[in-house]
Amino acid sequence: MLSKNDQKGSENVPPCRACMTIRLFLMGVASIALIALISPSSAALLKGAEPLSLAIFFVGFVACIAFIKAGFELTAARRKPR
């Protein structure tokens, strides 16, 4: 772990992919728990769903977000002057 003196001289480095993945997972779990606590009727909608169908839906949703993000990055790279 870096000390405060080491961090002052270095640039702002974004967190690694593993750290970001863990953060997203924890935020997802926390949001599901929060929805279940705030609105139990919303969580009751998922009772009939099978885990496999939920997993496929979740992976498909994340894939759509990844494609949209890639599209934004591609257009930003094309607009960037060389």
C-alpha atoms as a PDB file:
ATOM      1  CA  MET A   1       0.000   0.000   0.000  1.00  0.00           C
ATOM      2  CA  LEU A   2       1.306   3.470  -0.807  1.00  0.00           C
ATOM      3  CA  SER A   3       1.894   5.979   1.902  1.00  0.00           C
ATOM      4  CA  LYS A   4       0.481   9.486   1.669  1.00  0.00           C
ATOM      5  CA  ASN A   5       3.877  10.830   0.618  1.00  0.00           C
ATOM      6  CA  ASP A   6       4.037   8.397  -2.292  1.00  0.00           C
ATOM      7  CA  GLN A   7       0.552   9.315  -3.472  1.00  0.00           C
ATOM      8  CA  LYS A   8       1.228  13.058  -3.577  1.00  0.00           C
ATOM      9  CA  GLY A   9       3.899  12.755  -6.232  1.00  0.00           C
ATOM     10  CA  SER A  10       2.067  10.304  -8.463  1.00  0.00           C
ATOM     11  CA  GLU A  11      -0.691  11.016 -10.942  1.00  0.00           C
ATOM     12  CA  ASN A  12      -4.300  10.023 -10.350  1.00  0.00           C
ATOM     13  CA  VAL A  13      -4.358   6.399 -11.410  1.00  0.00           C
ATOM     14  CA  PRO A  14      -7.773   4.806 -11.965  1.00  0.00           C
ATOM     15  CA  PRO A  15      -8.491   1.595 -10.059  1.00  0.00           C
ATOM     16  CA  CYS A  16      -7.760  -1.723 -11.721  1.00  0.00           C
ATOM     17  CA  ARG A  17     -10.462  -3.712 -13.517  1.00  0.00           C
ATOM     18  CA  ALA A  18     -10.750  -6.256 -10.732  1.00  0.00           C
ATOM     19  CA  CYS A  19     -11.391  -3.491  -8.194  1.00  0.00           C
ATOM     20  CA  MET A  20     -14.018  -1.913 -10.438  1.00  0.00           C
ATOM     21  CA  THR A  21     -15.705  -5.279 -10.979  1.00  0.00           C
ATOM     22  CA  ILE A  22     -15.823  -5.941  -7.246  1.00  0.00           C
ATOM     23  CA  ARG A  23     -17.241  -2.465  -6.639  1.00  0.00           C
ATOM     24  CA  LEU A  24     -19.964  -2.956  -9.264  1.00  0.00           C
ATOM     25  CA  PHE A  25     -20.865  -6.341  -7.807  1.00  0.00           C
ATOM     26  CA  LEU A  26     -21.110  -4.942  -4.291  1.00  0.00           C
ATOM     27  CA  MET A  27     -23.223  -2.012  -5.498  1.00  0.00           C
ATOM     28  CA  GLY A  28     -25.534  -4.454  -7.279  1.00  0.00           C
ATOM     29  CA  VAL A  29     -25.939  -6.631  -4.207  1.00  0.00           C
ATOM     30  CA  ALA A  30     -26.522  -3.575  -2.023  1.00  0.00           C
ATOM     31  CA  SER A  31     -29.119  -2.181  -4.431  1.00  0.00           C
ATOM     32  CA  ILE A  32     -31.002  -5.486  -4.566  1.00  0.00           C
ATOM     33  CA  ALA A  33     -31.014  -5.655  -0.769  1.00  0.00           C
ATOM     34  CA  LEU A  34     -32.166  -2.037  -0.566  1.00  0.00           C
ATOM     35  CA  ILE A  35     -35.001  -2.650  -3.025  1.00  0.00           C
ATOM     36  CA  ALA A  36     -36.051  -5.722  -1.037  1.00  0.00           C
ATOM     37  CA  LEU A  37     -36.098  -3.677   2.175  1.00  0.00           C
ATOM     38  CA  ILE A  38     -37.851  -0.610   0.768  1.00  0.00           C
ATOM     39  CA  SER A  39     -40.380  -2.303  -1.477  1.00  0.00           C
ATOM     40  CA  PRO A  40     -40.988  -5.991  -0.712  1.00  0.00           C
ATOM     41  CA  SER A  41     -43.653  -6.151  -3.414  1.00  0.00           C
ATOM     42  CA  SER A  42     -40.994  -5.392  -6.051  1.00  0.00           C
ATOM     43  CA  ALA A  43     -38.802  -8.203  -4.765  1.00  0.00           C
ATOM     44  CA  ALA A  44     -41.812 -10.547  -4.835  1.00  0.00           C
ATOM     45  CA  LEU A  45     -41.882 -10.215  -8.633  1.00  0.00           C
ATOM     46  CA  LEU A  46     -38.620 -12.188  -8.798  1.00  0.00           C
ATOM     47  CA  LYS A  47     -39.881 -15.147  -6.757  1.00  0.00           C
ATOM     48  CA  GLY A  48     -41.167 -17.045  -9.777  1.00  0.00           C
ATOM     49  CA  ALA A  49     -38.074 -16.524 -11.875  1.00  0.00           C
ATOM     50  CA  GLU A  50     -35.461 -19.239 -12.159  1.00  0.00           C
ATOM     51  CA  PRO A  51     -31.840 -18.400 -11.325  1.00  0.00           C
ATOM     52  CA  LEU A  52     -30.689 -19.304 -14.837  1.00  0.00           C
ATOM     53  CA  SER A  53     -33.139 -16.921 -16.496  1.00  0.00           C
ATOM     54  CA  LEU A  54     -32.144 -14.149 -14.081  1.00  0.00           C
ATOM     55  CA  ALA A  55     -28.466 -14.783 -14.833  1.00  0.00           C
ATOM     56  CA  ILE A  56     -29.075 -14.703 -18.589  1.00  0.00           C
ATOM     57  CA  PHE A  57     -31.035 -11.464 -18.262  1.00  0.00           C
ATOM     58  CA  PHE A  58     -28.306  -9.900 -16.128  1.00  0.00           C
ATOM     59  CA  VAL A  59     -25.500 -10.921 -18.496  1.00  0.00           C
ATOM     60  CA  GLY A  60     -27.486  -9.653 -21.478  1.00  0.00           C
ATOM     61  CA  PHE A  61     -28.126  -6.349 -19.734  1.00  0.00           C
ATOM     62  CA  VAL A  62     -24.438  -5.924 -18.907  1.00  0.00           C
ATOM     63  CA  ALA A  63     -23.509  -6.841 -22.493  1.00  0.00           C
ATOM     64  CA  CYS A  64     -25.843  -4.142 -23.834  1.00  0.00           C
ATOM     65  CA  ILE A  65     -24.249  -1.586 -21.533  1.00  0.00           C
ATOM     66  CA  ALA A  66     -20.782  -2.718 -22.703  1.00  0.00           C
ATOM     67  CA  PHE A  67     -21.768  -2.286 -26.373  1.00  0.00           C
ATOM     68  CA  ILE A  68     -23.189   1.177 -25.694  1.00  0.00           C
ATOM     69  CA  LYS A  69     -20.022   2.166 -23.801  1.00  0.00           C
ATOM     70  CA  ALA A  70     -17.844   0.847 -26.636  1.00  0.00           C
ATOM     71  CA  GLY A  71     -19.875   2.874 -29.117  1.00  0.00           C
ATOM     72  CA  PHE A  72     -19.392   6.055 -27.086  1.00  0.00           C
ATOM     73  CA  GLU A  73     -15.656   5.395 -26.794  1.00  0.00           C
ATOM     74  CA  LEU A  74     -15.395   4.737 -30.535  1.00  0.00           C
ATOM     75  CA  THR A  75     -17.154   7.975 -31.458  1.00  0.00           C
ATOM     76  CA  ALA A  76     -15.020   9.888 -28.950  1.00  0.00           C
ATOM     77  CA  ALA A  77     -11.859   8.400 -30.441  1.00  0.00           C
ATOM     78  CA  ARG A  78     -12.951   9.312 -33.985  1.00  0.00           C
ATOM     79  CA  ARG A  79     -13.749  12.904 -33.007  1.00  0.00           C
ATOM     80  CA  LYS A  80     -10.430  13.359 -31.205  1.00  0.00           C
ATOM     81  CA  PRO A  81      -8.028  15.380 -33.354  1.00  0.00           C
ATOM     82  CA  ARG A  82      -4.860  13.564 -34.304  1.00  0.00           C
END
